[in-house]
PDB file of N, CA and C in Angstrom:
ATOM      1  N   MET A   1       3.996 -10.015  -6.779  1.00  0.00           N
ATOM      2  CA  MET A   1       2.865  -8.696  -6.689  1.00  0.00           C
ATOM      3  C   MET A   1       2.474  -9.573  -5.168  1.00  0.00           C
ATOM      4  N   ILE A   2       1.718 -10.833  -5.012  1.00  0.00           N
ATOM      5  CA  ILE A   2       0.813 -10.894  -3.313  1.00  0.00           C
ATOM      6  C   ILE A   2       1.967 -11.811  -2.866  1.00  0.00           C
ATOM      7  N   ASP A   3       2.142 -12.308  -1.553  1.00  0.00           N
ATOM      8  CA  ASP A   3       2.380 -13.256  -1.127  1.00  0.00           C
ATOM      9  C   ASP A   3       1.337 -14.089  -0.753  1.00  0.00           C
ATOM     10  N   GLY A   4       1.736 -15.616   0.279  1.00  0.00           N
ATOM     11  CA  GLY A   4       0.719 -16.313   0.720  1.00  0.00           C
ATOM     12  C   GLY A   4       0.118 -15.867   2.216  1.00  0.00           C
ATOM     13  N   GLU A   5       0.387 -14.028   2.295  1.00  0.00           N
ATOM     14  CA  GLU A   5      -0.097 -13.770   3.381  1.00  0.00           C
ATOM     15  C   GLU A   5      -1.311 -12.695   2.822  1.00  0.00           C
ATOM     16  N   MET A   6      -1.323 -12.295   1.982  1.00  0.00           N
ATOM     17  CA  MET A   6      -2.280 -11.387   1.365  1.00  0.00           C
ATOM     18  C   MET A   6      -1.348 -10.265   1.646  1.00  0.00           C
ATOM     19  N   ASN A   7      -0.318 -10.333   1.424  1.00  0.00           N
ATOM     20  CA  ASN A   7      -0.556  -8.588   1.255  1.00  0.00           C
ATOM     21  C   ASN A   7       0.558  -8.551  -0.422  1.00  0.00           C
ATOM     22  N   LEU A   8       0.194  -7.093  -1.266  1.00  0.00           N
ATOM     23  CA  LEU A   8       0.265  -6.619  -2.155  1.00  0.00           C
ATOM     24  C   LEU A   8       1.871  -6.044  -2.298  1.00  0.00           C
ATOM     25  N   SER A   9       2.667  -5.938  -2.989  1.00  0.00           N
ATOM     26  CA  SER A   9       3.915  -5.378  -3.072  1.00  0.00           C
ATOM     27  C   SER A   9       4.078  -4.943  -4.460  1.00  0.00           C
ATOM     28  N   LEU A  10       3.768  -3.280  -4.367  1.00  0.00           N
ATOM     29  CA  LEU A  10       3.953  -2.747  -5.685  1.00  0.00           C
ATOM     30  C   LEU A  10       4.427  -1.363  -5.993  1.00  0.00           C
ATOM     31  N   GLY A  11       4.873  -0.990  -6.211  1.00  0.00           N
ATOM     32  CA  GLY A  11       5.366   0.215  -6.311  1.00  0.00           C
ATOM     33  C   GLY A  11       5.797   0.268  -5.432  1.00  0.00           C
ATOM     34  N   GLY A  12       6.830  -0.593  -4.242  1.00  0.00           N
ATOM     35  CA  GLY A  12       7.656   0.523  -3.411  1.00  0.00           C
ATOM     36  C   GLY A  12       6.689  -0.286  -1.750  1.00  0.00           C
ATOM     37  N   GLN A  13       5.698  -0.273  -2.530  1.00  0.00           N
ATOM     38  CA  GLN A  13       4.596  -0.043  -1.173  1.00  0.00           C
ATOM     39  C   GLN A  13       4.387  -1.427  -0.577  1.00  0.00           C
ATOM     40  N   LYS A  14       3.818  -1.744   0.084  1.00  0.00           N
ATOM     41  CA  LYS A  14       3.002  -3.392   0.556  1.00  0.00           C
ATOM     42  C   LYS A  14       1.924  -2.644   0.970  1.00  0.00           C
ATOM     43  N   ILE A  15       0.944  -3.527   0.632  1.00  0.00           N
ATOM     44  CA  ILE A  15      -1.137  -2.955   1.099  1.00  0.00           C
ATOM     45  C   ILE A  15      -0.668  -4.772   1.493  1.00  0.00           C
ATOM     46  N   SER A  16      -1.434  -4.992   3.097  1.00  0.00           N
ATOM     47  CA  SER A  16      -2.368  -5.316   3.512  1.00  0.00           C
ATOM     48  C   SER A  16      -3.670  -6.295   2.705  1.00  0.00           C
ATOM     49  N   LEU A  17      -4.059  -6.972   2.406  1.00  0.00           N
ATOM     50  CA  LEU A  17      -5.748  -7.295   2.030  1.00  0.00           C
ATOM     51  C   LEU A  17      -6.450  -7.815   2.493  1.00  0.00           C
ATOM     52  N   ASP A  18      -7.166  -7.141   3.291  1.00  0.00           N
ATOM     53  CA  ASP A  18      -8.402  -7.243   3.921  1.00  0.00           C
ATOM     54  C   ASP A  18      -7.589  -8.334   5.555  1.00  0.00           C
ATOM     55  N   ARG A  19      -7.082  -7.760   5.891  1.00  0.00           N
ATOM     56  CA  ARG A  19      -5.640  -8.308   6.480  1.00  0.00           C
ATOM     57  C   ARG A  19      -5.332  -7.250   7.552  1.00  0.00           C
ATOM     58  N   ALA A  20      -4.040  -7.357   8.691  1.00  0.00           N
ATOM     59  CA  ALA A  20      -3.502  -6.271   9.406  1.00  0.00           C
ATOM     60  C   ALA A  20      -2.469  -6.415   9.377  1.00  0.00           C
ATOM     61  N   GLN A  21      -1.724  -7.042   8.876  1.00  0.00           N
ATOM     62  CA  GLN A  21      -0.459  -7.324   8.661  1.00  0.00           C
ATOM     63  C   GLN A  21       1.051  -6.642   8.301  1.00  0.00           C
ATOM     64  N   GLN A  22       0.359  -5.096   7.548  1.00  0.00           N
ATOM     65  CA  GLN A  22       0.769  -4.594   7.222  1.00  0.00           C
ATOM     66  C   GLN A  22       0.840  -2.799   7.818  1.00  0.00           C
ATOM     67  N   ARG A  23       0.967  -1.932   7.774  1.00  0.00           N
ATOM     68  CA  ARG A  23       0.890  -0.701   8.389  1.00  0.00           C
ATOM     69  C   ARG A  23       0.159   0.097   7.234  1.00  0.00           C
ATOM     70  N   ILE A  24      -0.309  -0.615   6.031  1.00  0.00           N
ATOM     71  CA  ILE A  24      -1.307   0.082   5.352  1.00  0.00           C
ATOM     72  C   ILE A  24      -2.043  -1.462   5.258  1.00  0.00           C
ATOM     73  N   CYS A  25      -3.630  -0.619   5.332  1.00  0.00           N
ATOM     74  CA  CYS A  25      -4.351  -2.162   5.087  1.00  0.00           C
ATOM     75  C   CYS A  25      -5.375  -1.803   4.290  1.00  0.00           C
ATOM     76  N   TYR A  26      -5.768  -2.237   2.965  1.00  0.00           N
ATOM     77  CA  TYR A  26      -7.161  -2.147   2.494  1.00  0.00           C
ATOM     78  C   TYR A  26      -8.048  -3.310   3.198  1.00  0.00           C
ATOM     79  N   VAL A  27      -9.098  -2.439   3.478  1.00  0.00           N
ATOM     80  CA  VAL A  27     -10.590  -3.200   3.624  1.00  0.00           C
ATOM     81  C   VAL A  27     -11.470  -3.585   3.095  1.00  0.00           C
ATOM     82  N   SER A  28     -11.811  -4.518   2.493  1.00  0.00           N
ATOM     83  CA  SER A  28     -12.717  -4.387   1.305  1.00  0.00           C
ATOM     84  C   SER A  28     -14.426  -4.484   1.895  1.00  0.00           C
ATOM     85  N   HIS A  29     -14.600  -4.177   3.243  1.00  0.00           N
ATOM     86  CA  HIS A  29     -16.278  -4.434   3.407  1.00  0.00           C
ATOM     87  C   HIS A  29     -15.858  -4.921   5.261  1.00  0.00           C
ATOM     88  N   ALA A  30     -17.106  -3.988   5.381  1.00  0.00           N
ATOM     89  CA  ALA A  30     -17.467  -4.464   7.150  1.00  0.00           C
ATOM     90  C   ALA A  30     -17.827  -5.466   7.694  1.00  0.00           C
ATOM     91  N   HIS A  31     -17.614  -6.385   7.017  1.00  0.00           N
ATOM     92  CA  HIS A  31     -17.193  -7.325   7.666  1.00  0.00           C
ATOM     93  C   HIS A  31     -16.380  -8.300   8.617  1.00  0.00           C
ATOM     94  N   SER A  32     -16.737  -8.973   9.873  1.00  0.00           N
ATOM     95  CA  SER A  32     -15.398  -8.878  10.785  1.00  0.00           C
ATOM     96  C   SER A  32     -14.455  -9.831  10.330  1.00  0.00           C
ATOM     97  N   ASP A  33     -15.023 -10.773   9.352  1.00  0.00           N
ATOM     98  CA  ASP A  33     -13.593 -12.035   8.504  1.00  0.00           C
ATOM     99  C   ASP A  33     -12.845 -10.685   7.642  1.00  0.00           C
ATOM    100  N   HIS A  34     -13.131  -9.620   7.256  1.00  0.00           N
ATOM    101  CA  HIS A  34     -12.512  -8.948   6.372  1.00  0.00           C
ATOM    102  C   HIS A  34     -11.768  -7.579   6.867  1.00  0.00           C
ATOM    103  N   ALA A  35     -12.326  -7.066   8.279  1.00  0.00           N
ATOM    104  CA  ALA A  35     -12.367  -5.894   8.955  1.00  0.00           C
ATOM    105  C   ALA A  35     -11.650  -5.958  10.017  1.00  0.00           C
ATOM    106  N   GLY A  36     -10.630  -7.160  10.553  1.00  0.00           N
ATOM    107  CA  GLY A  36      -9.599  -7.060  11.531  1.00  0.00           C
ATOM    108  C   GLY A  36      -8.767  -5.608  11.171  1.00  0.00           C
ATOM    109  N   ALA A  37      -8.483  -5.060  10.850  1.00  0.00           N
ATOM    110  CA  ALA A  37      -7.187  -3.859  10.478  1.00  0.00           C
ATOM    111  C   ALA A  37      -8.121  -2.452  11.529  1.00  0.00           C
ATOM    112  N   MET A  38      -9.517  -2.693  11.300  1.00  0.00           N
ATOM    113  CA  MET A  38     -10.266  -1.420  11.668  1.00  0.00           C
ATOM    114  C   MET A  38      -9.619  -1.803  13.273  1.00  0.00           C
ATOM    115  N   LYS A  39      -9.781  -2.481  13.771  1.00  0.00           N
ATOM    116  CA  LYS A  39      -9.185  -2.506  15.458  1.00  0.00           C
ATOM    117  C   LYS A  39      -7.979  -1.537  15.639  1.00  0.00           C
ATOM    118  N   SER A  40      -7.026  -1.549  14.607  1.00  0.00           N
ATOM    119  CA  SER A  40      -5.874  -0.686  15.179  1.00  0.00           C
ATOM    120  C   SER A  40      -5.861   0.465  14.585  1.00  0.00           C
ATOM    121  N   LYS A  41      -5.715   1.378  15.731  1.00  0.00           N
ATOM    122  CA  LYS A  41      -5.428   2.575  15.465  1.00  0.00           C
ATOM    123  C   LYS A  41      -3.991   3.037  14.876  1.00  0.00           C
ATOM    124  N   GLU A  42      -3.592   2.261  15.044  1.00  0.00           N
ATOM    125  CA  GLU A  42      -1.458   2.919  14.059  1.00  0.00           C
ATOM    126  C   GLU A  42      -1.706   2.124  12.860  1.00  0.00           C
ATOM    127  N   LYS A  43      -3.141   1.365  12.022  1.00  0.00           N
ATOM    128  CA  LYS A  43      -2.648   1.029  10.870  1.00  0.00           C
ATOM    129  C   LYS A  43      -3.621   2.316   9.906  1.00  0.00           C
ATOM    130  N   LEU A  44      -2.867   2.381   8.828  1.00  0.00           N
ATOM    131  CA  LEU A  44      -3.530   3.342   7.610  1.00  0.00           C
ATOM    132  C   LEU A  44      -4.231   2.385   7.335  1.00  0.00           C
ATOM    133  N   ILE A  45      -5.280   2.983   7.393  1.00  0.00           N
ATOM    134  CA  ILE A  45      -6.277   2.185   6.787  1.00  0.00           C
ATOM    135  C   ILE A  45      -7.049   2.775   5.183  1.00  0.00           C
ATOM    136  N   PHE A  46      -6.994   1.897   4.152  1.00  0.00           N
ATOM    137  CA  PHE A  46      -7.818   2.221   2.826  1.00  0.00           C
ATOM    138  C   PHE A  46      -8.918   1.259   2.643  1.00  0.00           C
ATOM    139  N   ALA A  47     -10.285   2.222   2.854  1.00  0.00           N
ATOM    140  CA  ALA A  47     -11.380   1.542   2.508  1.00  0.00           C
ATOM    141  C   ALA A  47     -12.567   2.539   2.236  1.00  0.00           C
ATOM    142  N   SER A  48     -13.700   2.286   1.740  1.00  0.00           N
ATOM    143  CA  SER A  48     -15.084   3.670   1.272  1.00  0.00           C
ATOM    144  C   SER A  48     -14.973   4.769   2.914  1.00  0.00           C
ATOM    145  N   LYS A  49     -15.999   5.241   2.558  1.00  0.00           N
ATOM    146  CA  LYS A  49     -16.600   5.592   3.652  1.00  0.00           C
ATOM    147  C   LYS A  49     -17.766   5.093   4.370  1.00  0.00           C
ATOM    148  N   GLU A  50     -18.224   4.540   3.800  1.00  0.00           N
ATOM    149  CA  GLU A  50     -19.240   3.801   4.433  1.00  0.00           C
ATOM    150  C   GLU A  50     -18.362   2.992   5.312  1.00  0.00           C
ATOM    151  N   THR A  51     -17.654   1.798   4.522  1.00  0.00           N
ATOM    152  CA  THR A  51     -16.847   0.922   5.414  1.00  0.00           C
ATOM    153  C   THR A  51     -16.490   1.385   6.900  1.00  0.00           C
ATOM    154  N   ALA A  52     -15.564   2.414   6.360  1.00  0.00           N
ATOM    155  CA  ALA A  52     -15.162   2.952   7.665  1.00  0.00           C
ATOM    156  C   ALA A  52     -16.187   3.401   8.875  1.00  0.00           C
ATOM    157  N   ALA A  53     -17.657   3.883   8.029  1.00  0.00           N
ATOM    158  CA  ALA A  53     -18.808   4.163   9.358  1.00  0.00           C
ATOM    159  C   ALA A  53     -18.963   3.291   9.649  1.00  0.00           C
ATOM    160  N   LEU A  54     -19.388   2.020   9.182  1.00  0.00           N
ATOM    161  CA  LEU A  54     -20.180   0.855   9.692  1.00  0.00           C
ATOM    162  C   LEU A  54     -19.520   0.031  10.887  1.00  0.00           C
ATOM    163  N   ALA A  55     -17.986  -0.004  10.342  1.00  0.00           N
ATOM    164  CA  ALA A  55     -17.236  -0.133  11.441  1.00  0.00           C
ATOM    165  C   ALA A  55     -16.355   0.632  12.568  1.00  0.00           C
ATOM    166  N   ARG A  56     -17.051   2.050  12.448  1.00  0.00           N
ATOM    167  CA  ARG A  56     -17.184   3.097  13.464  1.00  0.00           C
ATOM    168  C   ARG A  56     -15.808   3.363  13.639  1.00  0.00           C
ATOM    169  N   ARG A  57     -15.289   3.396  12.249  1.00  0.00           N
ATOM    170  CA  ARG A  57     -14.156   4.128  12.818  1.00  0.00           C
ATOM    171  C   ARG A  57     -13.739   5.200  11.898  1.00  0.00           C
ATOM    172  N   GLN A  58     -12.602   6.388  12.444  1.00  0.00           N
ATOM    173  CA  GLN A  58     -12.574   7.180  10.991  1.00  0.00           C
ATOM    174  C   GLN A  58     -11.293   7.121  10.823  1.00  0.00           C
ATOM    175  N   ILE A  59     -11.029   6.907   9.215  1.00  0.00           N
ATOM    176  CA  ILE A  59      -9.686   6.761   8.420  1.00  0.00           C
ATOM    177  C   ILE A  59      -8.912   7.867   7.553  1.00  0.00           C
ATOM    178  N   VAL A  60      -7.390   8.014   7.779  1.00  0.00           N
ATOM    179  CA  VAL A  60      -7.119   8.758   7.670  1.00  0.00           C
ATOM    180  C   VAL A  60      -6.302   8.017   5.564  1.00  0.00           C
ATOM    181  N   PRO A  61      -6.736   8.106   4.593  1.00  0.00           N
ATOM    182  CA  PRO A  61      -6.176   7.210   3.869  1.00  0.00           C
ATOM    183  C   PRO A  61      -4.516   7.345   3.217  1.00  0.00           C
ATOM    184  N   PRO A  62      -4.230   6.329   3.670  1.00  0.00           N
ATOM    185  CA  PRO A  62      -2.124   6.108   3.150  1.00  0.00           C
ATOM    186  C   PRO A  62      -2.292   7.116   1.819  1.00  0.00           C
ATOM    187  N   PHE A  63      -0.777   8.052   1.546  1.00  0.00           N
ATOM    188  CA  PHE A  63      -0.299   8.474   0.893  1.00  0.00           C
ATOM    189  C   PHE A  63       0.103   7.638  -0.132  1.00  0.00           C
ATOM    190  N   PHE A  64       0.325   7.122  -1.000  1.00  0.00           N
ATOM    191  CA  PHE A  64       0.665   6.213  -2.160  1.00  0.00           C
ATOM    192  C   PHE A  64       1.531   6.858  -3.604  1.00  0.00           C
ATOM    193  N   ASP A  65       2.812   6.595  -3.014  1.00  0.00           N
ATOM    194  CA  ASP A  65       3.718   7.273  -3.910  1.00  0.00           C
ATOM    195  C   ASP A  65       4.605   6.725  -5.407  1.00  0.00           C
ATOM    196  N   ASP A  66       5.523   7.251  -5.785  1.00  0.00           N
ATOM    197  CA  ASP A  66       6.393   6.675  -6.702  1.00  0.00           C
ATOM    198  C   ASP A  66       5.516   5.867  -8.064  1.00  0.00           C
ATOM    199  N   GLY A  67       4.210   6.740  -8.250  1.00  0.00           N
ATOM    200  CA  GLY A  67       3.916   6.812  -9.372  1.00  0.00           C
ATOM    201  C   GLY A  67       2.329   5.309  -9.407  1.00  0.00           C
ATOM    202  N   LEU A  68       2.478   4.423  -7.931  1.00  0.00           N
ATOM    203  CA  LEU A  68       1.361   3.667  -7.843  1.00  0.00           C
ATOM    204  C   LEU A  68       0.123   4.632  -7.392  1.00  0.00           C
ATOM    205  N   HIS A  69      -0.476   3.781  -8.216  1.00  0.00           N
ATOM    206  CA  HIS A  69      -2.382   4.705  -8.455  1.00  0.00           C
ATOM    207  C   HIS A  69      -3.589   3.776  -7.709  1.00  0.00           C
ATOM    208  N   VAL A  70      -3.836   3.644  -6.682  1.00  0.00           N
ATOM    209  CA  VAL A  70      -4.882   3.069  -6.177  1.00  0.00           C
ATOM    210  C   VAL A  70      -6.184   3.698  -6.277  1.00  0.00           C
ATOM    211  N   SER A  71      -7.342   2.935  -6.867  1.00  0.00           N
ATOM    212  CA  SER A  71      -8.729   3.416  -6.466  1.00  0.00           C
ATOM    213  C   SER A  71      -9.853   1.799  -6.108  1.00  0.00           C
ATOM    214  N   LEU A  72     -10.352   2.490  -5.415  1.00  0.00           N
ATOM    215  CA  LEU A  72     -11.866   1.723  -5.490  1.00  0.00           C
ATOM    216  C   LEU A  72     -13.021   2.184  -6.238  1.00  0.00           C
ATOM    217  N   HIS A  73     -13.264   0.469  -6.239  1.00  0.00           N
ATOM    218  CA  HIS A  73     -14.742   0.574  -7.114  1.00  0.00           C
ATOM    219  C   HIS A  73     -15.729  -0.312  -6.215  1.00  0.00           C
ATOM    220  N   ASN A  74     -17.108  -0.063  -6.721  1.00  0.00           N
ATOM    221  CA  ASN A  74     -18.303  -1.424  -5.794  1.00  0.00           C
ATOM    222  C   ASN A  74     -18.456  -2.560  -6.665  1.00  0.00           C
ATOM    223  N   SER A  75     -18.077  -3.279  -5.380  1.00  0.00           N
ATOM    224  CA  SER A  75     -18.038  -4.723  -5.505  1.00  0.00           C
ATOM    225  C   SER A  75     -19.655  -5.532  -5.343  1.00  0.00           C
ATOM    226  N   GLY A  76     -20.396  -4.979  -4.721  1.00  0.00           N
ATOM    227  CA  GLY A  76     -21.606  -4.899  -4.838  1.00  0.00           C
ATOM    228  C   GLY A  76     -22.098  -5.376  -3.913  1.00  0.00           C
ATOM    229  N   HIS A  77     -20.777  -5.933  -3.010  1.00  0.00           N
ATOM    230  CA  HIS A  77     -21.733  -7.531  -1.856  1.00  0.00           C
ATOM    231  C   HIS A  77     -22.741  -6.731  -0.758  1.00  0.00           C
ATOM    232  N   ILE A  78     -22.156  -5.746   0.175  1.00  0.00           N
ATOM    233  CA  ILE A  78     -22.689  -5.369   1.241  1.00  0.00           C
ATOM    234  C   ILE A  78     -22.447  -3.400   1.183  1.00  0.00           C
ATOM    235  N   LEU A  79     -23.223  -2.701   1.788  1.00  0.00           N
ATOM    236  CA  LEU A  79     -23.041  -1.503   1.712  1.00  0.00           C
ATOM    237  C   LEU A  79     -21.578  -1.142   1.683  1.00  0.00           C
ATOM    238  N   GLY A  80     -21.025  -0.459   0.967  1.00  0.00           N
ATOM    239  CA  GLY A  80     -19.849   0.142   0.941  1.00  0.00           C
ATOM    240  C   GLY A  80     -18.377  -0.864   0.545  1.00  0.00           C
ATOM    241  N   SER A  81     -19.520  -1.963   0.027  1.00  0.00           N
ATOM    242  CA  SER A  81     -18.481  -3.075  -0.051  1.00  0.00           C
ATOM    243  C   SER A  81     -17.514  -2.571  -1.579  1.00  0.00           C
ATOM    244  N   THR A  82     -16.112  -2.856  -1.829  1.00  0.00           N
ATOM    245  CA  THR A  82     -15.621  -2.013  -2.876  1.00  0.00           C
ATOM    246  C   THR A  82     -14.435  -3.347  -3.049  1.00  0.00           C
ATOM    247  N   GLN A  83     -13.611  -2.887  -4.383  1.00  0.00           N
ATOM    248  CA  GLN A  83     -12.407  -3.713  -4.682  1.00  0.00           C
ATOM    249  C   GLN A  83     -11.603  -3.046  -4.864  1.00  0.00           C
ATOM    250  N   LEU A  84     -10.032  -3.488  -5.159  1.00  0.00           N
ATOM    251  CA  LEU A  84      -9.018  -2.476  -5.212  1.00  0.00           C
ATOM    252  C   LEU A  84      -8.586  -2.430  -6.701  1.00  0.00           C
ATOM    253  N   LYS A  85      -8.191  -1.369  -7.295  1.00  0.00           N
ATOM    254  CA  LYS A  85      -7.563  -1.527  -8.182  1.00  0.00           C
ATOM    255  C   LYS A  85      -6.143  -0.785  -7.915  1.00  0.00           C
ATOM    256  N   ALA A  86      -5.297  -1.635  -8.575  1.00  0.00           N
ATOM    257  CA  ALA A  86      -3.973  -0.810  -7.974  1.00  0.00           C
ATOM    258  C   ALA A  86      -3.085  -0.643  -9.850  1.00  0.00           C
ATOM    259  N   GLU A  87      -2.384   0.202  -9.568  1.00  0.00           N
ATOM    260  CA  GLU A  87      -1.917   0.498 -11.500  1.00  0.00           C
ATOM    261  C   GLU A  87      -0.367   1.082 -11.213  1.00  0.00           C
ATOM    262  N   HIS A  88       1.057   0.124 -11.655  1.00  0.00           N
ATOM    263  CA  HIS A  88       2.136   0.211 -11.849  1.00  0.00           C
ATOM    264  C   HIS A  88       2.795   0.300 -12.598  1.00  0.00           C
ATOM    265  N   ASP A  89       3.966   1.203 -13.215  1.00  0.00           N
ATOM    266  CA  ASP A  89       4.464   0.705 -14.465  1.00  0.00           C
ATOM    267  C   ASP A  89       4.087  -0.334 -15.164  1.00  0.00           C
ATOM    268  N   GLY A  90       2.649   0.129 -15.691  1.00  0.00           N
ATOM    269  CA  GLY A  90       1.926  -0.439 -16.945  1.00  0.00           C
ATOM    270  C   GLY A  90       1.213  -2.080 -16.057  1.00  0.00           C
ATOM    271  N   ARG A  91       1.433  -2.448 -14.855  1.00  0.00           N
ATOM    272  CA  ARG A  91       1.000  -3.461 -14.411  1.00  0.00           C
ATOM    273  C   ARG A  91      -0.476  -3.212 -13.380  1.00  0.00           C
ATOM    274  N   VAL A  92      -1.220  -4.436 -13.684  1.00  0.00           N
ATOM    275  CA  VAL A  92      -2.673  -3.892 -12.810  1.00  0.00           C
ATOM    276  C   VAL A  92      -3.397  -4.553 -12.068  1.00  0.00           C
ATOM    277  N   PHE A  93      -3.056  -4.705 -10.802  1.00  0.00           N
ATOM    278  CA  PHE A  93      -3.989  -5.509  -9.598  1.00  0.00           C
ATOM    279  C   PHE A  93      -5.059  -5.103  -9.255  1.00  0.00           C
ATOM    280  N   VAL A  94      -5.778  -6.354  -9.324  1.00  0.00           N
ATOM    281  CA  VAL A  94      -6.873  -6.062  -8.636  1.00  0.00           C
ATOM    282  C   VAL A  94      -7.763  -7.203  -7.830  1.00  0.00           C
ATOM    283  N   TYR A  95      -7.871  -6.295  -6.798  1.00  0.00           N
ATOM    284  CA  TYR A  95      -8.581  -7.831  -5.839  1.00  0.00           C
ATOM    285  C   TYR A  95      -9.953  -7.139  -5.039  1.00  0.00           C
ATOM    286  N   THR A  96     -10.458  -8.212  -4.678  1.00  0.00           N
ATOM    287  CA  THR A  96     -11.710  -7.928  -3.527  1.00  0.00           C
ATOM    288  C   THR A  96     -12.283  -9.064  -3.129  1.00  0.00           C
ATOM    289  N   GLY A  97     -13.134  -8.877  -1.646  1.00  0.00           N
ATOM    290  CA  GLY A  97     -13.258  -9.882  -0.880  1.00  0.00           C
ATOM    291  C   GLY A  97     -14.059 -10.479  -0.800  1.00  0.00           C
ATOM    292  N   ASP A  98     -15.280  -9.918  -1.297  1.00  0.00           N
ATOM    293  CA  ASP A  98     -16.598 -10.711  -2.269  1.00  0.00           C
ATOM    294  C   ASP A  98     -17.286  -9.627  -2.877  1.00  0.00           C
ATOM    295  N   PHE A  99     -17.975 -10.491  -3.873  1.00  0.00           N
ATOM    296  CA  PHE A  99     -18.499  -9.349  -4.389  1.00  0.00           C
ATOM    297  C   PHE A  99     -19.976 -10.188  -5.480  1.00  0.00           C
ATOM    298  N   MET A 100     -21.025  -9.684  -5.647  1.00  0.00           N
ATOM    299  CA  MET A 100     -21.897  -9.927  -6.324  1.00  0.00           C
ATOM    300  C   MET A 100     -22.340  -9.604  -7.724  1.00  0.00           C
ATOM    301  N   LEU A 101     -22.808 -10.248  -8.290  1.00  0.00           N
ATOM    302  CA  LEU A 101     -22.983 -10.330 -10.057  1.00  0.00           C
ATOM    303  C   LEU A 101     -24.200  -8.921 -10.132  1.00  0.00           C
ATOM    304  N   SER A 102     -24.686  -8.839  -9.369  1.00  0.00           N
ATOM    305  CA  SER A 102     -26.625  -8.087  -9.211  1.00  0.00           C
ATOM    306  C   SER A 102     -26.621  -7.261  -7.943  1.00  0.00           C
ATOM    307  N   ASP A 103     -26.976  -5.922  -8.574  1.00  0.00           N
ATOM    308  CA  ASP A 103     -27.270  -4.850  -7.638  1.00  0.00           C
ATOM    309  C   ASP A 103     -28.147  -5.960  -5.891  1.00  0.00           C
ATOM    310  N   GLY A 104     -28.261  -5.379  -4.927  1.00  0.00           N
ATOM    311  CA  GLY A 104     -28.613  -5.795  -3.649  1.00  0.00           C
ATOM    312  C   GLY A 104     -29.069  -4.602  -3.337  1.00  0.00           C
ATOM    313  N   LEU A 105     -29.900  -4.806  -2.246  1.00  0.00           N
ATOM    314  CA  LEU A 105     -30.739  -3.976  -1.687  1.00  0.00           C
ATOM    315  C   LEU A 105     -30.031  -2.735  -1.212  1.00  0.00           C
ATOM    316  N   THR A 106     -28.705  -2.738  -0.801  1.00  0.00           N
ATOM    317  CA  THR A 106     -27.608  -1.477  -0.072  1.00  0.00           C
ATOM    318  C   THR A 106     -27.051  -0.805  -1.474  1.00  0.00           C
ATOM    319  N   THR A 107     -26.649  -1.451  -2.303  1.00  0.00           N
ATOM    320  CA  THR A 107     -25.672  -1.642  -2.990  1.00  0.00           C
ATOM    321  C   THR A 107     -26.341  -1.170  -4.684  1.00  0.00           C
ATOM    322  N   ILE A 108     -25.707  -0.361  -5.204  1.00  0.00           N
ATOM    323  CA  ILE A 108     -26.151   0.071  -6.830  1.00  0.00           C
ATOM    324  C   ILE A 108     -24.976  -0.211  -7.832  1.00  0.00           C
ATOM    325  N   GLY A 109     -24.630  -0.613  -8.381  1.00  0.00           N
ATOM    326  CA  GLY A 109     -23.930  -1.037  -9.561  1.00  0.00           C
ATOM    327  C   GLY A 109     -23.237   0.117  -9.934  1.00  0.00           C
ATOM    328  N   GLU A 110     -21.868   0.426 -10.276  1.00  0.00           N
ATOM    329  CA  GLU A 110     -21.226   1.810 -11.067  1.00  0.00           C
ATOM    330  C   GLU A 110     -21.807   1.875 -12.599  1.00  0.00           C
TER     331      GLU A 110
END
């Protein structure tokens, strides 16, 4: 499901996780060590609206087909930080770049 380059392969899709290697890129939050894909206008970015705003990037979320369901959930790290949950054919994959176990000044748990 995930290779050594942080690319998730699930449901016929390849999603780069906090990197800019694939056409579809998930950005967990707006810290520079996670948001490199935001620099490329050719990438389809999957991120929270807060992360996009902090990175000063308008995003058009990618369309996932073939029964792949992808959702974002608060990770509590910084404003807009999320973890990705991908589900396909009974398999579930969850990824987060960084997280906190308690609420911070700019985050509120789900």
